[in-house]
Amino acid sequence: MKLSRPIVAALAAVLGLLQAWDSGAFSAGSTILVLVLVAIAIPVATLILFRNGGLALVAVLIAAVLTVVARILSPVPLPELTLAVVFPGMLVVFTSMAEAKRELSIEASKTQESR
């Protein structure tokens, strides 16, 4: 089953927001909330704007660092906040990997046809 990038991006955003809500990030203060929302938005934006798998991985790592910083700075405990990036990050990385594999198989079939 092939999903378009905007649909996968929407799923990643919804999963991230639900996990952030579940961990209590919305009651942790505006600074923490901004960090969490940026951490969720970075991989989603990367998925929509770029097709580079390496860039997607870097975006997920940056988002993970932002959520760890948010957990450290938060005045309230945020037990599962890192999961707000893990699930969307997995979607982003796996989507990028699947597209790269698909492109390689297309190039391989073109190379075989030209022989």
PDB file of N, CA and C in Angstrom:
ATOM      1  N   MET A   1       0.841  -1.179   0.000  1.00  0.00           N
ATOM      2  CA  MET A   1       0.000   0.000   0.000  1.00  0.00           C
ATOM      3  C   MET A   1       0.885   1.241   0.000  1.00  0.00           C
ATOM      4  N   LYS A   2       0.643   2.111  -0.927  1.00  0.00           N
ATOM      5  CA  LYS A   2       1.444   3.320  -1.054  1.00  0.00           C
ATOM      6  C   LYS A   2       0.631   4.519  -0.574  1.00  0.00           C
ATOM      7  N   LEU A   3       1.143   5.220   0.427  1.00  0.00           N
ATOM      8  CA  LEU A   3       0.506   6.428   0.922  1.00  0.00           C
ATOM      9  C   LEU A   3       1.275   7.631   0.402  1.00  0.00           C
ATOM     10  N   SER A   4       0.575   8.693   0.107  1.00  0.00           N
ATOM     11  CA  SER A   4       1.268   9.892  -0.356  1.00  0.00           C
ATOM     12  C   SER A   4       1.972  10.566   0.826  1.00  0.00           C
ATOM     13  N   ARG A   5       2.962  11.348   0.507  1.00  0.00           N
ATOM     14  CA  ARG A   5       3.746  12.018   1.544  1.00  0.00           C
ATOM     15  C   ARG A   5       2.906  12.943   2.422  1.00  0.00           C
ATOM     16  N   PRO A   6       1.964  13.710   1.877  1.00  0.00           N
ATOM     17  CA  PRO A   6       1.150  14.554   2.763  1.00  0.00           C
ATOM     18  C   PRO A   6       0.304  13.743   3.753  1.00  0.00           C
ATOM     19  N   ILE A   7      -0.168  12.570   3.337  1.00  0.00           N
ATOM     20  CA  ILE A   7      -0.955  11.740   4.247  1.00  0.00           C
ATOM     21  C   ILE A   7      -0.066  11.203   5.358  1.00  0.00           C
ATOM     22  N   VAL A   8       1.129  10.739   5.009  1.00  0.00           N
ATOM     23  CA  VAL A   8       2.060  10.243   6.029  1.00  0.00           C
ATOM     24  C   VAL A   8       2.471  11.388   6.955  1.00  0.00           C
ATOM     25  N   ALA A   9       2.671  12.585   6.408  1.00  0.00           N
ATOM     26  CA  ALA A   9       3.027  13.739   7.232  1.00  0.00           C
ATOM     27  C   ALA A   9       1.898  14.080   8.204  1.00  0.00           C
ATOM     28  N   ALA A  10       0.660  14.022   7.731  1.00  0.00           N
ATOM     29  CA  ALA A  10      -0.477  14.294   8.609  1.00  0.00           C
ATOM     30  C   ALA A  10      -0.567  13.243   9.714  1.00  0.00           C
ATOM     31  N   LEU A  11      -0.346  11.985   9.371  1.00  0.00           N
ATOM     32  CA  LEU A  11      -0.354  10.923  10.384  1.00  0.00           C
ATOM     33  C   LEU A  11       0.748  11.146  11.416  1.00  0.00           C
ATOM     34  N   ALA A  12       1.931  11.527  10.946  1.00  0.00           N
ATOM     35  CA  ALA A  12       3.045  11.773  11.861  1.00  0.00           C
ATOM     36  C   ALA A  12       2.726  12.938  12.797  1.00  0.00           C
ATOM     37  N   ALA A  13       2.128  13.996  12.266  1.00  0.00           N
ATOM     38  CA  ALA A  13       1.780  15.151  13.096  1.00  0.00           C
ATOM     39  C   ALA A  13       0.725  14.777  14.132  1.00  0.00           C
ATOM     40  N   VAL A  14      -0.286  14.038  13.728  1.00  0.00           N
ATOM     41  CA  VAL A  14      -1.345  13.639  14.659  1.00  0.00           C
ATOM     42  C   VAL A  14      -0.786  12.736  15.751  1.00  0.00           C
ATOM     43  N   LEU A  15       0.050  11.759  15.366  1.00  0.00           N
ATOM     44  CA  LEU A  15       0.657  10.879  16.373  1.00  0.00           C
ATOM     45  C   LEU A  15       1.514  11.671  17.362  1.00  0.00           C
ATOM     46  N   GLY A  16       2.293  12.594  16.862  1.00  0.00           N
ATOM     47  CA  GLY A  16       3.136  13.409  17.736  1.00  0.00           C
ATOM     48  C   GLY A  16       2.329  14.275  18.681  1.00  0.00           C
ATOM     49  N   LEU A  17       1.285  14.913  18.157  1.00  0.00           N
ATOM     50  CA  LEU A  17       0.448  15.766  19.002  1.00  0.00           C
ATOM     51  C   LEU A  17      -0.306  14.960  20.051  1.00  0.00           C
ATOM     52  N   LEU A  18      -0.798  13.795  19.670  1.00  0.00           N
ATOM     53  CA  LEU A  18      -1.498  12.956  20.650  1.00  0.00           C
ATOM     54  C   LEU A  18      -0.557  12.499  21.763  1.00  0.00           C
ATOM     55  N   GLN A  19       0.646  12.123  21.402  1.00  0.00           N
ATOM     56  CA  GLN A  19       1.599  11.688  22.423  1.00  0.00           C
ATOM     57  C   GLN A  19       2.027  12.859  23.296  1.00  0.00           C
ATOM     58  N   ALA A  20       2.189  14.041  22.716  1.00  0.00           N
ATOM     59  CA  ALA A  20       2.539  15.218  23.506  1.00  0.00           C
ATOM     60  C   ALA A  20       1.417  15.552  24.488  1.00  0.00           C
ATOM     61  N   TRP A  21       0.184  15.461  24.027  1.00  0.00           N
ATOM     62  CA  TRP A  21      -0.960  15.703  24.908  1.00  0.00           C
ATOM     63  C   TRP A  21      -1.009  14.664  26.021  1.00  0.00           C
ATOM     64  N   ASP A  22      -0.781  13.397  25.664  1.00  0.00           N
ATOM     65  CA  ASP A  22      -0.837  12.318  26.640  1.00  0.00           C
ATOM     66  C   ASP A  22       0.256  12.456  27.698  1.00  0.00           C
ATOM     67  N   SER A  23       1.407  12.970  27.322  1.00  0.00           N
ATOM     68  CA  SER A  23       2.492  13.108  28.292  1.00  0.00           C
ATOM     69  C   SER A  23       2.347  14.359  29.147  1.00  0.00           C
ATOM     70  N   GLY A  24       1.424  15.250  28.804  1.00  0.00           N
ATOM     71  CA  GLY A  24       1.191  16.444  29.611  1.00  0.00           C
ATOM     72  C   GLY A  24       1.971  17.659  29.165  1.00  0.00           C
ATOM     73  N   ALA A  25       2.465  17.657  27.949  1.00  0.00           N
ATOM     74  CA  ALA A  25       3.275  18.781  27.466  1.00  0.00           C
ATOM     75  C   ALA A  25       2.469  20.070  27.329  1.00  0.00           C
ATOM     76  N   PHE A  26       1.171  19.963  27.122  1.00  0.00           N
ATOM     77  CA  PHE A  26       0.352  21.160  26.937  1.00  0.00           C
ATOM     78  C   PHE A  26       0.149  21.921  28.244  1.00  0.00           C
ATOM     79  N   SER A  27       0.416  21.290  29.367  1.00  0.00           N
ATOM     80  CA  SER A  27       0.286  21.974  30.659  1.00  0.00           C
ATOM     81  C   SER A  27       1.649  22.319  31.267  1.00  0.00           C
ATOM     82  N   ALA A  28       2.711  22.189  30.502  1.00  0.00           N
ATOM     83  CA  ALA A  28       4.060  22.399  31.022  1.00  0.00           C
ATOM     84  C   ALA A  28       4.563  23.826  30.843  1.00  0.00           C
ATOM     85  N   GLY A  29       3.801  24.683  30.233  1.00  0.00           N
ATOM     86  CA  GLY A  29       4.250  26.052  30.011  1.00  0.00           C
ATOM     87  C   GLY A  29       4.499  26.322  28.542  1.00  0.00           C
ATOM     88  N   SER A  30       4.494  27.596  28.193  1.00  0.00           N
ATOM     89  CA  SER A  30       4.574  27.966  26.775  1.00  0.00           C
ATOM     90  C   SER A  30       5.930  27.657  26.148  1.00  0.00           C
ATOM     91  N   THR A  31       7.000  27.837  26.886  1.00  0.00           N
ATOM     92  CA  THR A  31       8.329  27.550  26.327  1.00  0.00           C
ATOM     93  C   THR A  31       8.483  26.070  26.000  1.00  0.00           C
ATOM     94  N   ILE A  32       8.042  25.230  26.913  1.00  0.00           N
ATOM     95  CA  ILE A  32       8.127  23.787  26.705  1.00  0.00           C
ATOM     96  C   ILE A  32       7.218  23.382  25.552  1.00  0.00           C
ATOM     97  N   LEU A  33       6.045  23.975  25.495  1.00  0.00           N
ATOM     98  CA  LEU A  33       5.105  23.660  24.421  1.00  0.00           C
ATOM     99  C   LEU A  33       5.673  24.041  23.057  1.00  0.00           C
ATOM    100  N   VAL A  34       6.330  25.185  22.979  1.00  0.00           N
ATOM    101  CA  VAL A  34       6.952  25.603  21.715  1.00  0.00           C
ATOM    102  C   VAL A  34       8.054  24.624  21.313  1.00  0.00           C
ATOM    103  N   LEU A  35       8.883  24.208  22.275  1.00  0.00           N
ATOM    104  CA  LEU A  35       9.933  23.227  21.970  1.00  0.00           C
ATOM    105  C   LEU A  35       9.345  21.928  21.439  1.00  0.00           C
ATOM    106  N   VAL A  36       8.278  21.467  22.077  1.00  0.00           N
ATOM    107  CA  VAL A  36       7.649  20.211  21.667  1.00  0.00           C
ATOM    108  C   VAL A  36       7.018  20.349  20.287  1.00  0.00           C
ATOM    109  N   LEU A  37       6.321  21.440  20.042  1.00  0.00           N
ATOM    110  CA  LEU A  37       5.677  21.634  18.738  1.00  0.00           C
ATOM    111  C   LEU A  37       6.709  21.756  17.618  1.00  0.00           C
ATOM    112  N   VAL A  38       7.816  22.424  17.892  1.00  0.00           N
ATOM    113  CA  VAL A  38       8.885  22.510  16.887  1.00  0.00           C
ATOM    114  C   VAL A  38       9.490  21.131  16.648  1.00  0.00           C
ATOM    115  N   ALA A  39       9.656  20.367  17.728  1.00  0.00           N
ATOM    116  CA  ALA A  39      10.203  19.015  17.588  1.00  0.00           C
ATOM    117  C   ALA A  39       9.282  18.127  16.755  1.00  0.00           C
ATOM    118  N   ILE A  40       7.999  18.316  16.864  1.00  0.00           N
ATOM    119  CA  ILE A  40       7.055  17.543  16.047  1.00  0.00           C
ATOM    120  C   ILE A  40       7.033  18.054  14.610  1.00  0.00           C
ATOM    121  N   ALA A  41       7.149  19.369  14.444  1.00  0.00           N
ATOM    122  CA  ALA A  41       7.032  19.971  13.114  1.00  0.00           C
ATOM    123  C   ALA A  41       8.253  19.726  12.227  1.00  0.00           C
ATOM    124  N   ILE A  42       9.432  19.613  12.810  1.00  0.00           N
ATOM    125  CA  ILE A  42      10.646  19.468  11.995  1.00  0.00           C
ATOM    126  C   ILE A  42      10.609  18.205  11.132  1.00  0.00           C
ATOM    127  N   PRO A  43      10.365  17.014  11.678  1.00  0.00           N
ATOM    128  CA  PRO A  43      10.315  15.830  10.804  1.00  0.00           C
ATOM    129  C   PRO A  43       9.150  15.873   9.813  1.00  0.00           C
ATOM    130  N   VAL A  44       8.019  16.436  10.245  1.00  0.00           N
ATOM    131  CA  VAL A  44       6.867  16.519   9.349  1.00  0.00           C
ATOM    132  C   VAL A  44       7.183  17.432   8.166  1.00  0.00           C
ATOM    133  N   ALA A  45       7.784  18.576   8.448  1.00  0.00           N
ATOM    134  CA  ALA A  45       8.145  19.500   7.371  1.00  0.00           C
ATOM    135  C   ALA A  45       9.200  18.886   6.451  1.00  0.00           C
ATOM    136  N   THR A  46      10.137  18.155   7.031  1.00  0.00           N
ATOM    137  CA  THR A  46      11.150  17.490   6.221  1.00  0.00           C
ATOM    138  C   THR A  46      10.523  16.473   5.287  1.00  0.00           C
ATOM    139  N   LEU A  47       9.538  15.754   5.793  1.00  0.00           N
ATOM    140  CA  LEU A  47       8.852  14.761   4.975  1.00  0.00           C
ATOM    141  C   LEU A  47       8.127  15.404   3.800  1.00  0.00           C
ATOM    142  N   ILE A  48       7.535  16.552   4.024  1.00  0.00           N
ATOM    143  CA  ILE A  48       6.783  17.222   2.968  1.00  0.00           C
ATOM    144  C   ILE A  48       7.709  17.914   1.964  1.00  0.00           C
ATOM    145  N   LEU A  49       8.756  18.564   2.462  1.00  0.00           N
ATOM    146  CA  LEU A  49       9.562  19.431   1.602  1.00  0.00           C
ATOM    147  C   LEU A  49      10.736  18.742   0.911  1.00  0.00           C
ATOM    148  N   PHE A  50      11.287  17.693   1.515  1.00  0.00           N
ATOM    149  CA  PHE A  50      12.496  17.079   0.979  1.00  0.00           C
ATOM    150  C   PHE A  50      12.296  15.592   0.740  1.00  0.00           C
ATOM    151  N   ARG A  51      13.076  15.028  -0.161  1.00  0.00           N
ATOM    152  CA  ARG A  51      13.018  13.596  -0.435  1.00  0.00           C
ATOM    153  C   ARG A  51      14.316  12.888  -0.064  1.00  0.00           C
ATOM    154  N   ASN A  52      15.157  13.554   0.678  1.00  0.00           N
ATOM    155  CA  ASN A  52      16.457  13.010   1.062  1.00  0.00           C
ATOM    156  C   ASN A  52      16.322  12.212   2.359  1.00  0.00           C
ATOM    157  N   GLY A  53      16.643  10.923   2.318  1.00  0.00           N
ATOM    158  CA  GLY A  53      16.536  10.074   3.488  1.00  0.00           C
ATOM    159  C   GLY A  53      17.489  10.465   4.598  1.00  0.00           C
ATOM    160  N   GLY A  54      18.694  10.899   4.232  1.00  0.00           N
ATOM    161  CA  GLY A  54      19.658  11.338   5.230  1.00  0.00           C
ATOM    162  C   GLY A  54      19.189  12.578   5.963  1.00  0.00           C
ATOM    163  N   LEU A  55      18.574  13.478   5.237  1.00  0.00           N
ATOM    164  CA  LEU A  55      18.033  14.692   5.844  1.00  0.00           C
ATOM    165  C   LEU A  55      16.882  14.353   6.788  1.00  0.00           C
ATOM    166  N   ALA A  56      16.093  13.356   6.433  1.00  0.00           N
ATOM    167  CA  ALA A  56      14.999  12.937   7.306  1.00  0.00           C
ATOM    168  C   ALA A  56      15.545  12.391   8.618  1.00  0.00           C
ATOM    169  N   LEU A  57      16.617  11.625   8.549  1.00  0.00           N
ATOM    170  CA  LEU A  57      17.223  11.086   9.757  1.00  0.00           C
ATOM    171  C   LEU A  57      17.779  12.200  10.640  1.00  0.00           C
ATOM    172  N   VAL A  58      18.418  13.171  10.038  1.00  0.00           N
ATOM    173  CA  VAL A  58      18.947  14.310  10.792  1.00  0.00           C
ATOM    174  C   VAL A  58      17.807  15.079  11.451  1.00  0.00           C
ATOM    175  N   ALA A  59      16.706  15.264  10.738  1.00  0.00           N
ATOM    176  CA  ALA A  59      15.557  15.974  11.296  1.00  0.00           C
ATOM    177  C   ALA A  59      14.988  15.237  12.503  1.00  0.00           C
ATOM    178  N   VAL A  60      14.924  13.922  12.428  1.00  0.00           N
ATOM    179  CA  VAL A  60      14.417  13.135  13.553  1.00  0.00           C
ATOM    180  C   VAL A  60      15.363  13.245  14.747  1.00  0.00           C
ATOM    181  N   LEU A  61      16.659  13.232  14.502  1.00  0.00           N
ATOM    182  CA  LEU A  61      17.624  13.363  15.597  1.00  0.00           C
ATOM    183  C   LEU A  61      17.536  14.740  16.254  1.00  0.00           C
ATOM    184  N   ILE A  62      17.381  15.791  15.455  1.00  0.00           N
ATOM    185  CA  ILE A  62      17.220  17.140  16.012  1.00  0.00           C
ATOM    186  C   ILE A  62      15.948  17.212  16.849  1.00  0.00           C
ATOM    187  N   ALA A  63      14.881  16.611  16.353  1.00  0.00           N
ATOM    188  CA  ALA A  63      13.621  16.605  17.098  1.00  0.00           C
ATOM    189  C   ALA A  63      13.762  15.850  18.410  1.00  0.00           C
ATOM    190  N   ALA A  64      14.500  14.755  18.399  1.00  0.00           N
ATOM    191  CA  ALA A  64      14.717  13.997  19.634  1.00  0.00           C
ATOM    192  C   ALA A  64      15.493  14.828  20.658  1.00  0.00           C
ATOM    193  N   VAL A  65      16.501  15.554  20.201  1.00  0.00           N
ATOM    194  CA  VAL A  65      17.269  16.414  21.104  1.00  0.00           C
ATOM    195  C   VAL A  65      16.366  17.494  21.693  1.00  0.00           C
ATOM    196  N   LEU A  66      15.496  18.079  20.876  1.00  0.00           N
ATOM    197  CA  LEU A  66      14.581  19.109  21.378  1.00  0.00           C
ATOM    198  C   LEU A  66      13.637  18.557  22.441  1.00  0.00           C
ATOM    199  N   THR A  67      13.155  17.331  22.260  1.00  0.00           N
ATOM    200  CA  THR A  67      12.254  16.772  23.275  1.00  0.00           C
ATOM    201  C   THR A  67      13.003  16.454  24.570  1.00  0.00           C
ATOM    202  N   VAL A  68      14.246  16.026  24.463  1.00  0.00           N
ATOM    203  CA  VAL A  68      15.036  15.785  25.680  1.00  0.00           C
ATOM    204  C   VAL A  68      15.278  17.107  26.408  1.00  0.00           C
ATOM    205  N   VAL A  69      15.593  18.158  25.673  1.00  0.00           N
ATOM    206  CA  VAL A  69      15.769  19.485  26.281  1.00  0.00           C
ATOM    207  C   VAL A  69      14.464  19.935  26.942  1.00  0.00           C
ATOM    208  N   ALA A  70      13.338  19.707  26.279  1.00  0.00           N
ATOM    209  CA  ALA A  70      12.049  20.086  26.855  1.00  0.00           C
ATOM    210  C   ALA A  70      11.783  19.324  28.151  1.00  0.00           C
ATOM    211  N   ARG A  71      12.128  18.046  28.173  1.00  0.00           N
ATOM    212  CA  ARG A  71      11.938  17.257  29.402  1.00  0.00           C
ATOM    213  C   ARG A  71      12.813  17.766  30.530  1.00  0.00           C
ATOM    214  N   ILE A  72      14.035  18.168  30.210  1.00  0.00           N
ATOM    215  CA  ILE A  72      14.954  18.660  31.239  1.00  0.00           C
ATOM    216  C   ILE A  72      14.483  20.003  31.790  1.00  0.00           C
ATOM    217  N   LEU A  73      14.027  20.881  30.909  1.00  0.00           N
ATOM    218  CA  LEU A  73      13.628  22.232  31.325  1.00  0.00           C
ATOM    219  C   LEU A  73      12.219  22.300  31.918  1.00  0.00           C
ATOM    220  N   SER A  74      11.434  21.291  31.735  1.00  0.00           N
ATOM    221  CA  SER A  74      10.036  21.336  32.151  1.00  0.00           C
ATOM    222  C   SER A  74       9.883  21.340  33.673  1.00  0.00           C
ATOM    223  N   PRO A  75       8.994  22.215  34.179  1.00  0.00           N
ATOM    224  CA  PRO A  75       8.745  22.216  35.622  1.00  0.00           C
ATOM    225  C   PRO A  75       7.855  21.052  36.070  1.00  0.00           C
ATOM    226  N   VAL A  76       7.155  20.439  35.134  1.00  0.00           N
ATOM    227  CA  VAL A  76       6.304  19.288  35.458  1.00  0.00           C
ATOM    228  C   VAL A  76       6.908  18.046  34.805  1.00  0.00           C
ATOM    229  N   PRO A  77       6.683  16.877  35.394  1.00  0.00           N
ATOM    230  CA  PRO A  77       7.224  15.663  34.770  1.00  0.00           C
ATOM    231  C   PRO A  77       6.542  15.355  33.437  1.00  0.00           C
ATOM    232  N   LEU A  78       7.327  15.010  32.449  1.00  0.00           N
ATOM    233  CA  LEU A  78       6.821  14.640  31.122  1.00  0.00           C
ATOM    234  C   LEU A  78       7.335  13.235  30.817  1.00  0.00           C
ATOM    235  N   PRO A  79       6.660  12.222  31.339  1.00  0.00           N
ATOM    236  CA  PRO A  79       7.225  10.875  31.327  1.00  0.00           C
ATOM    237  C   PRO A  79       7.479  10.272  29.943  1.00  0.00           C
ATOM    238  N   GLU A  80       6.556  10.396  29.040  1.00  0.00           N
ATOM    239  CA  GLU A  80       6.724   9.753  27.728  1.00  0.00           C
ATOM    240  C   GLU A  80       6.827  10.761  26.595  1.00  0.00           C
ATOM    241  N   LEU A  81       7.382  11.911  26.873  1.00  0.00           N
ATOM    242  CA  LEU A  81       7.438  12.955  25.844  1.00  0.00           C
ATOM    243  C   LEU A  81       8.284  12.550  24.649  1.00  0.00           C
ATOM    244  N   THR A  82       9.335  11.800  24.861  1.00  0.00           N
ATOM    245  CA  THR A  82      10.209  11.407  23.753  1.00  0.00           C
ATOM    246  C   THR A  82       9.447  10.581  22.724  1.00  0.00           C
ATOM    247  N   LEU A  83       8.408   9.881  23.160  1.00  0.00           N
ATOM    248  CA  LEU A  83       7.597   9.113  22.212  1.00  0.00           C
ATOM    249  C   LEU A  83       6.860  10.012  21.224  1.00  0.00           C
ATOM    250  N   ALA A  84       6.708  11.300  21.561  1.00  0.00           N
ATOM    251  CA  ALA A  84       6.067  12.236  20.637  1.00  0.00           C
ATOM    252  C   ALA A  84       6.879  12.395  19.362  1.00  0.00           C
ATOM    253  N   VAL A  85       8.160  12.055  19.421  1.00  0.00           N
ATOM    254  CA  VAL A  85       9.015  12.134  18.240  1.00  0.00           C
ATOM    255  C   VAL A  85       9.336  10.749  17.687  1.00  0.00           C
ATOM    256  N   VAL A  86       9.319   9.745  18.530  1.00  0.00           N
ATOM    257  CA  VAL A  86       9.698   8.404  18.078  1.00  0.00           C
ATOM    258  C   VAL A  86       8.747   7.881  17.009  1.00  0.00           C
ATOM    259  N   PHE A  87       7.447   7.906  17.273  1.00  0.00           N
ATOM    260  CA  PHE A  87       6.493   7.365  16.305  1.00  0.00           C
ATOM    261  C   PHE A  87       6.475   8.160  14.996  1.00  0.00           C
ATOM    262  N   PRO A  88       6.357   9.488  15.050  1.00  0.00           N
ATOM    263  CA  PRO A  88       6.439  10.236  13.790  1.00  0.00           C
ATOM    264  C   PRO A  88       7.800  10.070  13.111  1.00  0.00           C
ATOM    265  N   GLY A  89       8.861   9.996  13.906  1.00  0.00           N
ATOM    266  CA  GLY A  89      10.186   9.808  13.329  1.00  0.00           C
ATOM    267  C   GLY A  89      10.312   8.497  12.579  1.00  0.00           C
ATOM    268  N   MET A  90       9.734   7.455  13.141  1.00  0.00           N
ATOM    269  CA  MET A  90       9.756   6.166  12.453  1.00  0.00           C
ATOM    270  C   MET A  90       8.995   6.255  11.136  1.00  0.00           C
ATOM    271  N   LEU A  91       7.856   6.933  11.134  1.00  0.00           N
ATOM    272  CA  LEU A  91       7.110   7.103   9.889  1.00  0.00           C
ATOM    273  C   LEU A  91       7.931   7.852   8.850  1.00  0.00           C
ATOM    274  N   VAL A  92       8.587   8.915   9.279  1.00  0.00           N
ATOM    275  CA  VAL A  92       9.375   9.727   8.355  1.00  0.00           C
ATOM    276  C   VAL A  92      10.545   8.928   7.777  1.00  0.00           C
ATOM    277  N   VAL A  93      11.292   8.259   8.638  1.00  0.00           N
ATOM    278  CA  VAL A  93      12.470   7.518   8.174  1.00  0.00           C
ATOM    279  C   VAL A  93      12.060   6.340   7.288  1.00  0.00           C
ATOM    280  N   PHE A  94      11.043   5.590   7.696  1.00  0.00           N
ATOM    281  CA  PHE A  94      10.627   4.434   6.898  1.00  0.00           C
ATOM    282  C   PHE A  94      10.036   4.863   5.558  1.00  0.00           C
ATOM    283  N   THR A  95       9.330   5.974   5.525  1.00  0.00           N
ATOM    284  CA  THR A  95       8.801   6.482   4.260  1.00  0.00           C
ATOM    285  C   THR A  95       9.939   6.880   3.332  1.00  0.00           C
ATOM    286  N   SER A  96      10.946   7.548   3.871  1.00  0.00           N
ATOM    287  CA  SER A  96      12.099   7.938   3.061  1.00  0.00           C
ATOM    288  C   SER A  96      12.853   6.720   2.552  1.00  0.00           C
ATOM    289  N   MET A  97      12.995   5.704   3.411  1.00  0.00           N
ATOM    290  CA  MET A  97      13.686   4.489   2.987  1.00  0.00           C
ATOM    291  C   MET A  97      12.899   3.757   1.899  1.00  0.00           C
ATOM    292  N   ALA A  98      11.588   3.695   2.044  1.00  0.00           N
ATOM    293  CA  ALA A  98      10.767   3.010   1.042  1.00  0.00           C
ATOM    294  C   ALA A  98      10.840   3.721  -0.298  1.00  0.00           C
ATOM    295  N   GLU A  99      10.830   5.047  -0.281  1.00  0.00           N
ATOM    296  CA  GLU A  99      10.923   5.795  -1.535  1.00  0.00           C
ATOM    297  C   GLU A  99      12.295   5.617  -2.178  1.00  0.00           C
ATOM    298  N   ALA A 100      13.340   5.582  -1.373  1.00  0.00           N
ATOM    299  CA  ALA A 100      14.679   5.375  -1.931  1.00  0.00           C
ATOM    300  C   ALA A 100      14.780   3.993  -2.568  1.00  0.00           C
ATOM    301  N   LYS A 101      14.206   3.005  -1.913  1.00  0.00           N
ATOM    302  CA  LYS A 101      14.219   1.652  -2.476  1.00  0.00           C
ATOM    303  C   LYS A 101      13.426   1.598  -3.777  1.00  0.00           C
ATOM    304  N   ARG A 102      12.302   2.267  -3.809  1.00  0.00           N
ATOM    305  CA  ARG A 102      11.474   2.295  -5.008  1.00  0.00           C
ATOM    306  C   ARG A 102      12.222   2.967  -6.163  1.00  0.00           C
ATOM    307  N   GLU A 103      12.904   4.076  -5.869  1.00  0.00           N
ATOM    308  CA  GLU A 103      13.666   4.769  -6.909  1.00  0.00           C
ATOM    309  C   GLU A 103      14.812   3.907  -7.426  1.00  0.00           C
ATOM    310  N   LEU A 104      15.475   3.182  -6.522  1.00  0.00           N
ATOM    311  CA  LEU A 104      16.560   2.303  -6.955  1.00  0.00           C
ATOM    312  C   LEU A 104      16.051   1.177  -7.839  1.00  0.00           C
ATOM    313  N   SER A 105      14.901   0.617  -7.511  1.00  0.00           N
ATOM    314  CA  SER A 105      14.362  -0.462  -8.337  1.00  0.00           C
ATOM    315  C   SER A 105      13.920   0.062  -9.702  1.00  0.00           C
ATOM    316  N   ILE A 106      13.429   1.280  -9.764  1.00  0.00           N
ATOM    317  CA  ILE A 106      13.059   1.879 -11.050  1.00  0.00           C
ATOM    318  C   ILE A 106      14.308   2.091 -11.900  1.00  0.00           C
ATOM    319  N   GLU A 107      15.372   2.610 -11.279  1.00  0.00           N
ATOM    320  CA  GLU A 107      16.619   2.821 -12.018  1.00  0.00           C
ATOM    321  C   GLU A 107      17.207   1.496 -12.493  1.00  0.00           C
ATOM    322  N   ALA A 108      17.122   0.471 -11.666  1.00  0.00           N
ATOM    323  CA  ALA A 108      17.651  -0.841 -12.039  1.00  0.00           C
ATOM    324  C   ALA A 108      16.870  -1.420 -13.216  1.00  0.00           C
ATOM    325  N   SER A 109      15.561  -1.239 -13.198  1.00  0.00           N
ATOM    326  CA  SER A 109      14.765  -1.775 -14.320  1.00  0.00           C
ATOM    327  C   SER A 109      15.047  -1.003 -15.601  1.00  0.00           C
ATOM    328  N   LYS A 110      15.289   0.278 -15.511  1.00  0.00           N
ATOM    329  CA  LYS A 110      15.636   1.065 -16.698  1.00  0.00           C
ATOM    330  C   LYS A 110      16.990   0.631 -17.249  1.00  0.00           C
ATOM    331  N   THR A 111      17.936   0.340 -16.354  1.00  0.00           N
ATOM    332  CA  THR A 111      19.258  -0.095 -16.772  1.00  0.00           C
ATOM    333  C   THR A 111      19.180  -1.455 -17.476  1.00  0.00           C
ATOM    334  N   GLN A 112      18.350  -2.369 -16.952  1.00  0.00           N
ATOM    335  CA  GLN A 112      18.191  -3.665 -17.560  1.00  0.00           C
ATOM    336  C   GLN A 112      17.513  -3.566 -18.929  1.00  0.00           C
ATOM    337  N   GLU A 113      16.564  -2.662 -19.073  1.00  0.00           N
ATOM    338  CA  GLU A 113      15.878  -2.485 -20.356  1.00  0.00           C
ATOM    339  C   GLU A 113      16.815  -1.927 -21.411  1.00  0.00           C
ATOM    340  N   SER A 114      17.760  -1.088 -21.020  1.00  0.00           N
ATOM    341  CA  SER A 114      18.663  -0.476 -21.999  1.00  0.00           C
ATOM    342  C   SER A 114      19.732  -1.443 -22.477  1.00  0.00           C
ATOM    343  N   ARG A 115      19.935  -2.542 -21.772  1.00  0.00           N
ATOM    344  CA  ARG A 115      20.947  -3.531 -22.186  1.00  0.00           C
ATOM    345  C   ARG A 115      20.379  -4.363 -23.245  1.00  0.00           C
TER     346      ARG A 115
END
